[in-house]
Amino acid sequence: MNAESDERGEVVAETVATPATGDVTADGATDGSAGGTAAKEPELGSKAPHFIKRSRTLHLSWQVAVFIVGLAVVAAGVVMLPLPGPGWLVIFGGMAIWATEFVWAQLVLRWTKRKVTEAAQRALDPKVRRRNIILTTIGLVIIAVLVGIYVWKFGIVMPWKIDE
């Protein structure tokens, strides 16, 4: 049972928290900076329809079904990691299915989105791009030299036509 679905019908008073330094305030600004650009994140909790949340038994059944479907999708993604297929994409799809119902999955998804965004911003940094281009060029030159040495030593002979 979570705080959003109190089946006894009791009113739960909302607490007003004061944001800590660097936290996002209600208007989307970050505390400690003038006019932050951070977007307000959606609420945590179940996304199940209201009629399902009203009944504890139905809500629990809904959560079990969402967990099983998400587990099947995540398992398919794990199988696709060594096999052909978009393994990580399917795993994150399963996490998104879980995130419709479970707070822990929503938090994991938020953390993952934040880390992917940070990595994308770092990759677009001109210094990092220049370093990556230089390393890729050096790697391609090394591969070209090794292929050249192989061709010079053995010639261009298909592997299935090599006499032992």
N, C-alpha and C. Protein backbone atom coordinates (compact mmCIF):
# COMPACT_ATOMS: atom_id res chain seq x y z
N MET A 1 0.85 -1.16 0.00
CA MET A 1 0.00 0.00 0.00
C MET A 1 0.90 1.23 0.00
N ASN A 2 0.56 2.22 -0.83
CA ASN A 2 1.34 3.44 -0.84
C ASN A 2 0.51 4.59 -0.33
N ALA A 3 1.11 5.76 -0.16
CA ALA A 3 0.44 6.90 0.45
C ALA A 3 -0.70 7.43 -0.41
N GLU A 4 -0.61 7.22 -1.73
CA GLU A 4 -1.65 7.75 -2.60
C GLU A 4 -2.95 6.95 -2.51
N SER A 5 -2.90 5.68 -2.14
CA SER A 5 -4.11 4.85 -2.16
C SER A 5 -4.44 4.37 -0.74
N ASP A 6 -5.04 5.24 0.02
CA ASP A 6 -5.45 4.86 1.36
C ASP A 6 -6.90 4.38 1.27
N GLU A 7 -7.09 3.05 1.30
CA GLU A 7 -8.41 2.48 1.06
C GLU A 7 -9.40 2.75 2.19
N ARG A 8 -8.95 3.20 3.34
CA ARG A 8 -9.87 3.48 4.44
C ARG A 8 -10.56 4.83 4.24
N GLY A 9 -10.11 5.63 3.28
CA GLY A 9 -10.75 6.90 3.00
C GLY A 9 -10.30 8.00 3.93
N GLU A 10 -9.25 7.78 4.70
CA GLU A 10 -8.77 8.82 5.59
C GLU A 10 -8.04 9.87 4.77
N VAL A 11 -8.15 11.08 5.22
CA VAL A 11 -7.47 12.17 4.54
C VAL A 11 -6.07 12.26 5.11
N VAL A 12 -5.11 12.22 4.22
CA VAL A 12 -3.72 12.32 4.63
C VAL A 12 -3.27 13.74 4.34
N ALA A 13 -2.81 14.43 5.37
CA ALA A 13 -2.38 15.82 5.20
C ALA A 13 -1.06 15.84 4.43
N GLU A 14 -1.02 16.73 3.45
CA GLU A 14 0.22 16.87 2.68
C GLU A 14 1.19 17.71 3.48
N THR A 15 2.44 17.33 3.43
CA THR A 15 3.46 18.10 4.13
C THR A 15 4.13 19.03 3.13
N VAL A 16 4.43 20.19 3.58
CA VAL A 16 5.11 21.16 2.74
C VAL A 16 6.57 21.14 3.14
N ALA A 17 7.40 20.69 2.22
CA ALA A 17 8.82 20.58 2.52
C ALA A 17 9.55 21.80 1.97
N THR A 18 10.52 22.27 2.72
CA THR A 18 11.34 23.35 2.24
C THR A 18 12.49 22.73 1.44
N PRO A 19 12.66 23.17 0.18
CA PRO A 19 13.71 22.56 -0.63
C PRO A 19 15.10 22.88 -0.09
N ALA A 20 15.95 21.89 -0.17
CA ALA A 20 17.33 22.08 0.24
C ALA A 20 18.08 22.81 -0.86
N THR A 21 19.28 23.23 -0.58
CA THR A 21 20.06 23.95 -1.58
C THR A 21 20.28 23.07 -2.80
N GLY A 22 19.92 23.60 -3.96
CA GLY A 22 20.09 22.86 -5.20
C GLY A 22 18.86 22.07 -5.60
N ASP A 23 17.84 21.96 -4.71
CA ASP A 23 16.62 21.23 -5.05
C ASP A 23 15.74 22.08 -5.95
N VAL A 24 14.84 21.41 -6.64
CA VAL A 24 13.92 22.10 -7.52
C VAL A 24 12.71 22.54 -6.71
N THR A 25 12.34 23.83 -6.85
CA THR A 25 11.18 24.34 -6.15
C THR A 25 9.94 24.10 -6.99
N ALA A 26 8.78 24.46 -6.46
CA ALA A 26 7.51 24.19 -7.13
C ALA A 26 7.40 24.91 -8.47
N ASP A 27 8.02 26.09 -8.61
CA ASP A 27 7.91 26.82 -9.86
C ASP A 27 8.96 26.40 -10.88
N GLY A 28 9.78 25.41 -10.55
CA GLY A 28 10.76 24.89 -11.49
C GLY A 28 12.13 25.51 -11.35
N ALA A 29 12.28 26.51 -10.50
CA ALA A 29 13.58 27.14 -10.31
C ALA A 29 14.37 26.34 -9.30
N THR A 30 15.68 26.33 -9.48
CA THR A 30 16.50 25.65 -8.50
C THR A 30 16.80 26.60 -7.37
N ASP A 31 16.80 26.07 -6.16
CA ASP A 31 17.05 26.89 -4.99
C ASP A 31 18.50 27.33 -5.00
N GLY A 32 18.73 28.59 -4.71
CA GLY A 32 20.09 29.08 -4.68
C GLY A 32 20.52 29.69 -5.99
N SER A 33 19.67 29.65 -7.01
CA SER A 33 20.00 30.29 -8.28
C SER A 33 18.79 31.06 -8.76
N ALA A 34 19.03 32.13 -9.46
CA ALA A 34 17.93 32.95 -9.95
C ALA A 34 17.41 32.38 -11.26
N GLY A 35 16.16 31.95 -11.27
CA GLY A 35 15.50 31.50 -12.51
C GLY A 35 16.11 30.26 -13.10
N GLY A 36 16.16 29.16 -12.37
CA GLY A 36 16.70 27.91 -12.89
C GLY A 36 15.85 27.37 -14.03
N THR A 37 16.42 26.50 -14.84
CA THR A 37 15.71 25.97 -16.00
C THR A 37 15.33 24.52 -15.82
N ALA A 38 15.40 24.00 -14.60
CA ALA A 38 15.07 22.60 -14.38
C ALA A 38 13.57 22.39 -14.54
N ALA A 39 13.19 21.32 -15.24
CA ALA A 39 11.78 21.01 -15.46
C ALA A 39 11.22 20.29 -14.23
N LYS A 40 9.94 20.52 -13.96
CA LYS A 40 9.31 19.86 -12.83
C LYS A 40 9.07 18.40 -13.21
N GLU A 41 9.51 17.50 -12.34
CA GLU A 41 9.37 16.08 -12.61
C GLU A 41 7.97 15.62 -12.23
N PRO A 42 7.41 14.64 -12.93
CA PRO A 42 6.08 14.15 -12.60
C PRO A 42 6.06 13.47 -11.23
N GLU A 43 4.86 13.37 -10.68
CA GLU A 43 4.68 12.73 -9.36
C GLU A 43 5.08 11.27 -9.38
N LEU A 44 5.56 10.81 -8.24
CA LEU A 44 5.87 9.40 -8.09
C LEU A 44 4.60 8.67 -7.65
N GLY A 45 4.50 7.41 -7.99
CA GLY A 45 3.37 6.61 -7.53
C GLY A 45 2.68 5.90 -8.67
N SER A 46 1.62 5.22 -8.34
CA SER A 46 0.88 4.39 -9.28
C SER A 46 0.18 5.22 -10.35
N LYS A 47 0.23 4.73 -11.58
CA LYS A 47 -0.47 5.37 -12.69
C LYS A 47 -1.73 4.58 -13.05
N ALA A 48 -2.13 3.67 -12.17
CA ALA A 48 -3.30 2.84 -12.42
C ALA A 48 -4.55 3.72 -12.43
N PRO A 49 -5.57 3.32 -13.20
CA PRO A 49 -6.82 4.08 -13.20
C PRO A 49 -7.43 4.14 -11.79
N HIS A 50 -8.22 5.18 -11.56
CA HIS A 50 -8.78 5.42 -10.23
C HIS A 50 -9.65 4.26 -9.74
N PHE A 51 -10.44 3.67 -10.65
CA PHE A 51 -11.33 2.58 -10.21
C PHE A 51 -10.53 1.35 -9.76
N ILE A 52 -9.32 1.20 -10.26
CA ILE A 52 -8.47 0.08 -9.82
C ILE A 52 -7.85 0.41 -8.46
N LYS A 53 -7.45 1.66 -8.26
CA LYS A 53 -6.83 2.04 -7.00
C LYS A 53 -7.81 2.00 -5.83
N ARG A 54 -9.11 2.11 -6.10
CA ARG A 54 -10.11 2.12 -5.03
C ARG A 54 -10.18 0.78 -4.30
N SER A 55 -10.01 -0.31 -5.02
CA SER A 55 -10.12 -1.64 -4.42
C SER A 55 -8.72 -2.19 -4.16
N ARG A 56 -8.44 -2.52 -2.92
CA ARG A 56 -7.10 -3.02 -2.56
C ARG A 56 -6.79 -4.32 -3.31
N THR A 57 -7.74 -5.22 -3.40
CA THR A 57 -7.52 -6.51 -4.07
C THR A 57 -7.25 -6.29 -5.56
N LEU A 58 -8.05 -5.44 -6.19
CA LEU A 58 -7.87 -5.16 -7.61
C LEU A 58 -6.54 -4.46 -7.86
N HIS A 59 -6.19 -3.52 -6.96
CA HIS A 59 -4.93 -2.81 -7.13
C HIS A 59 -3.73 -3.75 -6.97
N LEU A 60 -3.80 -4.64 -6.00
CA LEU A 60 -2.73 -5.61 -5.80
C LEU A 60 -2.61 -6.54 -7.01
N SER A 61 -3.75 -6.97 -7.55
CA SER A 61 -3.74 -7.81 -8.75
C SER A 61 -3.13 -7.06 -9.93
N TRP A 62 -3.49 -5.79 -10.04
CA TRP A 62 -2.94 -4.93 -11.10
C TRP A 62 -1.42 -4.84 -10.96
N GLN A 63 -0.93 -4.63 -9.74
CA GLN A 63 0.51 -4.51 -9.51
C GLN A 63 1.23 -5.82 -9.85
N VAL A 64 0.63 -6.95 -9.48
CA VAL A 64 1.24 -8.25 -9.80
C VAL A 64 1.31 -8.43 -11.31
N ALA A 65 0.23 -8.07 -12.02
CA ALA A 65 0.22 -8.20 -13.48
C ALA A 65 1.26 -7.29 -14.12
N VAL A 66 1.36 -6.06 -13.66
CA VAL A 66 2.37 -5.13 -14.20
C VAL A 66 3.77 -5.66 -13.92
N PHE A 67 3.98 -6.21 -12.73
CA PHE A 67 5.30 -6.76 -12.40
C PHE A 67 5.65 -7.93 -13.31
N ILE A 68 4.71 -8.82 -13.56
CA ILE A 68 4.97 -10.00 -14.40
C ILE A 68 5.25 -9.59 -15.85
N VAL A 69 4.46 -8.65 -16.38
CA VAL A 69 4.69 -8.18 -17.75
C VAL A 69 6.05 -7.50 -17.85
N GLY A 70 6.37 -6.63 -16.88
CA GLY A 70 7.67 -5.96 -16.87
C GLY A 70 8.81 -6.94 -16.75
N LEU A 71 8.63 -7.96 -15.91
CA LEU A 71 9.66 -8.99 -15.74
C LEU A 71 9.90 -9.75 -17.03
N ALA A 72 8.82 -10.07 -17.75
CA ALA A 72 8.96 -10.77 -19.02
C ALA A 72 9.72 -9.91 -20.04
N VAL A 73 9.42 -8.62 -20.08
CA VAL A 73 10.10 -7.73 -21.02
C VAL A 73 11.57 -7.58 -20.64
N VAL A 74 11.86 -7.40 -19.35
CA VAL A 74 13.25 -7.27 -18.90
C VAL A 74 14.01 -8.57 -19.18
N ALA A 75 13.39 -9.72 -18.94
CA ALA A 75 14.04 -11.01 -19.20
C ALA A 75 14.34 -11.16 -20.70
N ALA A 76 13.40 -10.74 -21.54
CA ALA A 76 13.65 -10.78 -22.99
C ALA A 76 14.82 -9.88 -23.36
N GLY A 77 14.92 -8.73 -22.72
CA GLY A 77 16.05 -7.83 -22.97
C GLY A 77 17.37 -8.42 -22.53
N VAL A 78 17.37 -9.11 -21.38
CA VAL A 78 18.60 -9.75 -20.90
C VAL A 78 19.02 -10.86 -21.86
N VAL A 79 18.05 -11.60 -22.40
CA VAL A 79 18.36 -12.64 -23.38
C VAL A 79 18.95 -12.01 -24.65
N MET A 80 18.45 -10.82 -25.01
CA MET A 80 18.93 -10.16 -26.23
C MET A 80 20.32 -9.54 -26.08
N LEU A 81 20.83 -9.42 -24.86
CA LEU A 81 22.16 -8.83 -24.70
C LEU A 81 23.22 -9.63 -25.46
N PRO A 82 23.34 -10.96 -25.27
CA PRO A 82 24.35 -11.69 -26.05
C PRO A 82 23.85 -12.08 -27.44
N LEU A 83 22.55 -12.09 -27.64
CA LEU A 83 21.97 -12.48 -28.93
C LEU A 83 21.64 -11.22 -29.73
N PRO A 84 21.36 -11.39 -31.02
CA PRO A 84 20.98 -10.21 -31.81
C PRO A 84 19.67 -9.61 -31.31
N GLY A 85 19.65 -8.31 -31.23
CA GLY A 85 18.45 -7.62 -30.78
C GLY A 85 18.80 -6.43 -29.92
N PRO A 86 17.86 -5.53 -29.74
CA PRO A 86 18.12 -4.30 -28.96
C PRO A 86 17.97 -4.56 -27.46
N GLY A 87 18.91 -5.28 -26.87
CA GLY A 87 18.81 -5.71 -25.48
C GLY A 87 18.57 -4.59 -24.49
N TRP A 88 19.44 -3.58 -24.49
CA TRP A 88 19.32 -2.50 -23.50
C TRP A 88 18.03 -1.72 -23.71
N LEU A 89 17.64 -1.52 -24.96
CA LEU A 89 16.40 -0.80 -25.23
C LEU A 89 15.19 -1.55 -24.66
N VAL A 90 15.19 -2.86 -24.81
CA VAL A 90 14.08 -3.68 -24.29
C VAL A 90 14.11 -3.69 -22.75
N ILE A 91 15.29 -3.74 -22.15
CA ILE A 91 15.40 -3.70 -20.69
C ILE A 91 14.83 -2.38 -20.16
N PHE A 92 15.19 -1.27 -20.80
CA PHE A 92 14.65 0.02 -20.36
C PHE A 92 13.15 0.11 -20.62
N GLY A 93 12.66 -0.58 -21.65
CA GLY A 93 11.22 -0.65 -21.88
C GLY A 93 10.52 -1.38 -20.74
N GLY A 94 11.11 -2.47 -20.27
CA GLY A 94 10.56 -3.19 -19.12
C GLY A 94 10.59 -2.34 -17.86
N MET A 95 11.66 -1.58 -17.69
CA MET A 95 11.73 -0.68 -16.54
C MET A 95 10.64 0.39 -16.63
N ALA A 96 10.35 0.85 -17.84
CA ALA A 96 9.29 1.84 -18.03
C ALA A 96 7.93 1.23 -17.69
N ILE A 97 7.74 -0.02 -18.02
CA ILE A 97 6.49 -0.70 -17.65
C ILE A 97 6.38 -0.78 -16.13
N TRP A 98 7.47 -1.16 -15.46
CA TRP A 98 7.46 -1.20 -14.00
C TRP A 98 7.23 0.19 -13.41
N ALA A 99 7.77 1.22 -14.07
CA ALA A 99 7.67 2.58 -13.55
C ALA A 99 6.24 3.11 -13.58
N THR A 100 5.35 2.45 -14.32
CA THR A 100 3.95 2.89 -14.29
C THR A 100 3.30 2.55 -12.96
N GLU A 101 3.92 1.67 -12.19
CA GLU A 101 3.28 1.21 -10.96
C GLU A 101 4.16 1.30 -9.72
N PHE A 102 5.47 1.23 -9.87
CA PHE A 102 6.36 1.12 -8.71
C PHE A 102 7.28 2.33 -8.60
N VAL A 103 7.36 2.89 -7.41
CA VAL A 103 8.17 4.09 -7.17
C VAL A 103 9.65 3.79 -7.38
N TRP A 104 10.12 2.63 -6.94
CA TRP A 104 11.55 2.30 -7.09
C TRP A 104 11.95 2.30 -8.56
N ALA A 105 11.09 1.82 -9.44
CA ALA A 105 11.41 1.81 -10.86
C ALA A 105 11.38 3.22 -11.43
N GLN A 106 10.47 4.07 -10.92
CA GLN A 106 10.44 5.46 -11.37
C GLN A 106 11.73 6.17 -10.98
N LEU A 107 12.23 5.90 -9.78
CA LEU A 107 13.47 6.52 -9.34
C LEU A 107 14.66 6.03 -10.16
N VAL A 108 14.70 4.73 -10.46
CA VAL A 108 15.78 4.17 -11.29
C VAL A 108 15.73 4.79 -12.69
N LEU A 109 14.53 4.93 -13.25
CA LEU A 109 14.38 5.52 -14.57
C LEU A 109 14.81 6.98 -14.59
N ARG A 110 14.44 7.73 -13.55
CA ARG A 110 14.88 9.14 -13.46
C ARG A 110 16.39 9.23 -13.39
N TRP A 111 17.01 8.37 -12.57
CA TRP A 111 18.47 8.38 -12.43
C TRP A 111 19.12 8.05 -13.78
N THR A 112 18.56 7.05 -14.48
CA THR A 112 19.11 6.64 -15.78
C THR A 112 18.99 7.77 -16.80
N LYS A 113 17.83 8.42 -16.84
CA LYS A 113 17.65 9.54 -17.78
C LYS A 113 18.64 10.66 -17.48
N ARG A 114 18.83 10.95 -16.20
CA ARG A 114 19.76 12.00 -15.82
C ARG A 114 21.19 11.65 -16.25
N LYS A 115 21.59 10.40 -16.03
CA LYS A 115 22.95 9.99 -16.40
C LYS A 115 23.15 9.98 -17.92
N VAL A 116 22.13 9.56 -18.67
CA VAL A 116 22.22 9.56 -20.13
C VAL A 116 22.34 10.99 -20.65
N THR A 117 21.57 11.90 -20.07
CA THR A 117 21.64 13.30 -20.47
C THR A 117 23.01 13.89 -20.17
N GLU A 118 23.55 13.59 -18.99
CA GLU A 118 24.89 14.06 -18.64
C GLU A 118 25.94 13.50 -19.60
N ALA A 119 25.83 12.23 -19.95
CA ALA A 119 26.80 11.61 -20.86
C ALA A 119 26.70 12.24 -22.25
N ALA A 120 25.47 12.52 -22.70
CA ALA A 120 25.30 13.15 -24.01
C ALA A 120 25.91 14.55 -24.02
N GLN A 121 25.74 15.29 -22.93
CA GLN A 121 26.33 16.62 -22.86
C GLN A 121 27.85 16.55 -22.83
N ARG A 122 28.40 15.58 -22.11
CA ARG A 122 29.86 15.42 -22.09
C ARG A 122 30.39 15.02 -23.46
N ALA A 123 29.64 14.16 -24.17
CA ALA A 123 30.09 13.71 -25.50
C ALA A 123 30.09 14.85 -26.51
N LEU A 124 29.22 15.84 -26.31
CA LEU A 124 29.17 16.96 -27.24
C LEU A 124 30.19 18.05 -26.92
N ASP A 125 30.91 17.89 -25.82
CA ASP A 125 31.96 18.84 -25.47
C ASP A 125 33.05 18.79 -26.55
N PRO A 126 33.47 19.95 -27.08
CA PRO A 126 34.45 19.94 -28.17
C PRO A 126 35.76 19.22 -27.83
N LYS A 127 36.25 19.34 -26.60
CA LYS A 127 37.50 18.67 -26.23
C LYS A 127 37.33 17.15 -26.27
N VAL A 128 36.19 16.67 -25.75
CA VAL A 128 35.94 15.23 -25.73
C VAL A 128 35.75 14.70 -27.15
N ARG A 129 35.04 15.46 -27.98
CA ARG A 129 34.84 15.04 -29.37
C ARG A 129 36.18 14.97 -30.11
N ARG A 130 37.03 15.97 -29.90
CA ARG A 130 38.34 15.97 -30.54
C ARG A 130 39.15 14.76 -30.10
N ARG A 131 39.14 14.46 -28.79
CA ARG A 131 39.86 13.30 -28.28
C ARG A 131 39.33 12.01 -28.88
N ASN A 132 38.00 11.88 -28.97
CA ASN A 132 37.41 10.67 -29.53
C ASN A 132 37.75 10.52 -31.01
N ILE A 133 37.76 11.61 -31.75
CA ILE A 133 38.12 11.55 -33.17
C ILE A 133 39.58 11.14 -33.34
N ILE A 134 40.45 11.68 -32.50
CA ILE A 134 41.87 11.32 -32.58
C ILE A 134 42.07 9.85 -32.24
N LEU A 135 41.43 9.36 -31.17
CA LEU A 135 41.57 7.95 -30.79
C LEU A 135 41.00 7.01 -31.87
N THR A 136 39.89 7.39 -32.46
CA THR A 136 39.31 6.58 -33.54
C THR A 136 40.23 6.55 -34.74
N THR A 137 40.82 7.68 -35.09
CA THR A 137 41.75 7.73 -36.22
C THR A 137 42.98 6.86 -35.97
N ILE A 138 43.52 6.95 -34.76
CA ILE A 138 44.69 6.12 -34.42
C ILE A 138 44.33 4.64 -34.50
N GLY A 139 43.16 4.27 -33.98
CA GLY A 139 42.71 2.87 -34.04
C GLY A 139 42.56 2.39 -35.47
N LEU A 140 41.96 3.21 -36.33
CA LEU A 140 41.79 2.83 -37.75
C LEU A 140 43.14 2.70 -38.46
N VAL A 141 44.09 3.57 -38.14
CA VAL A 141 45.42 3.46 -38.74
C VAL A 141 46.09 2.17 -38.31
N ILE A 142 45.99 1.81 -37.04
CA ILE A 142 46.59 0.56 -36.55
C ILE A 142 45.95 -0.64 -37.25
N ILE A 143 44.63 -0.64 -37.39
CA ILE A 143 43.96 -1.74 -38.08
C ILE A 143 44.38 -1.80 -39.54
N ALA A 144 44.50 -0.65 -40.20
CA ALA A 144 44.92 -0.63 -41.61
C ALA A 144 46.34 -1.17 -41.76
N VAL A 145 47.24 -0.83 -40.84
CA VAL A 145 48.62 -1.34 -40.89
C VAL A 145 48.62 -2.85 -40.71
N LEU A 146 47.84 -3.37 -39.75
CA LEU A 146 47.80 -4.81 -39.52
C LEU A 146 47.22 -5.55 -40.73
N VAL A 147 46.18 -5.01 -41.34
CA VAL A 147 45.61 -5.63 -42.55
C VAL A 147 46.63 -5.58 -43.69
N GLY A 148 47.35 -4.46 -43.82
CA GLY A 148 48.39 -4.34 -44.85
C GLY A 148 49.49 -5.37 -44.66
N ILE A 149 49.93 -5.57 -43.42
CA ILE A 149 50.97 -6.58 -43.14
C ILE A 149 50.46 -7.97 -43.49
N TYR A 150 49.22 -8.28 -43.14
CA TYR A 150 48.64 -9.59 -43.44
C TYR A 150 48.59 -9.81 -44.96
N VAL A 151 48.11 -8.81 -45.70
CA VAL A 151 48.01 -8.94 -47.16
C VAL A 151 49.41 -9.06 -47.77
N TRP A 152 50.40 -8.32 -47.28
CA TRP A 152 51.75 -8.38 -47.81
C TRP A 152 52.37 -9.76 -47.56
N LYS A 153 52.09 -10.35 -46.39
CA LYS A 153 52.68 -11.63 -46.03
C LYS A 153 51.96 -12.81 -46.67
N PHE A 154 50.62 -12.80 -46.69
CA PHE A 154 49.86 -13.95 -47.17
C PHE A 154 49.15 -13.69 -48.49
N GLY A 155 49.04 -12.47 -48.91
CA GLY A 155 48.29 -12.16 -50.11
C GLY A 155 46.80 -12.20 -49.84
N ILE A 156 46.04 -11.93 -50.89
CA ILE A 156 44.58 -11.94 -50.73
C ILE A 156 44.08 -13.31 -51.15
N VAL A 157 43.92 -14.18 -50.16
CA VAL A 157 43.43 -15.53 -50.40
C VAL A 157 42.26 -15.74 -49.43
N MET A 158 41.19 -16.22 -49.97
CA MET A 158 40.04 -16.47 -49.13
C MET A 158 40.37 -17.60 -48.14
N PRO A 159 39.90 -17.49 -46.89
CA PRO A 159 40.26 -18.48 -45.87
C PRO A 159 39.90 -19.90 -46.23
N TRP A 160 38.84 -20.12 -46.99
CA TRP A 160 38.43 -21.48 -47.31
C TRP A 160 39.24 -22.07 -48.47
N LYS A 161 40.13 -21.25 -49.09
CA LYS A 161 40.95 -21.75 -50.17
C LYS A 161 42.42 -21.88 -49.76
N ILE A 162 42.72 -21.74 -48.50
CA ILE A 162 44.10 -21.83 -48.03
C ILE A 162 44.49 -23.29 -47.95
N ASP A 163 45.64 -23.64 -48.59
CA ASP A 163 46.17 -25.01 -48.52
C ASP A 163 46.96 -25.14 -47.23
N GLU A 164 46.74 -26.24 -46.53
CA GLU A 164 47.42 -26.42 -45.26
C GLU A 164 48.76 -27.03 -45.42
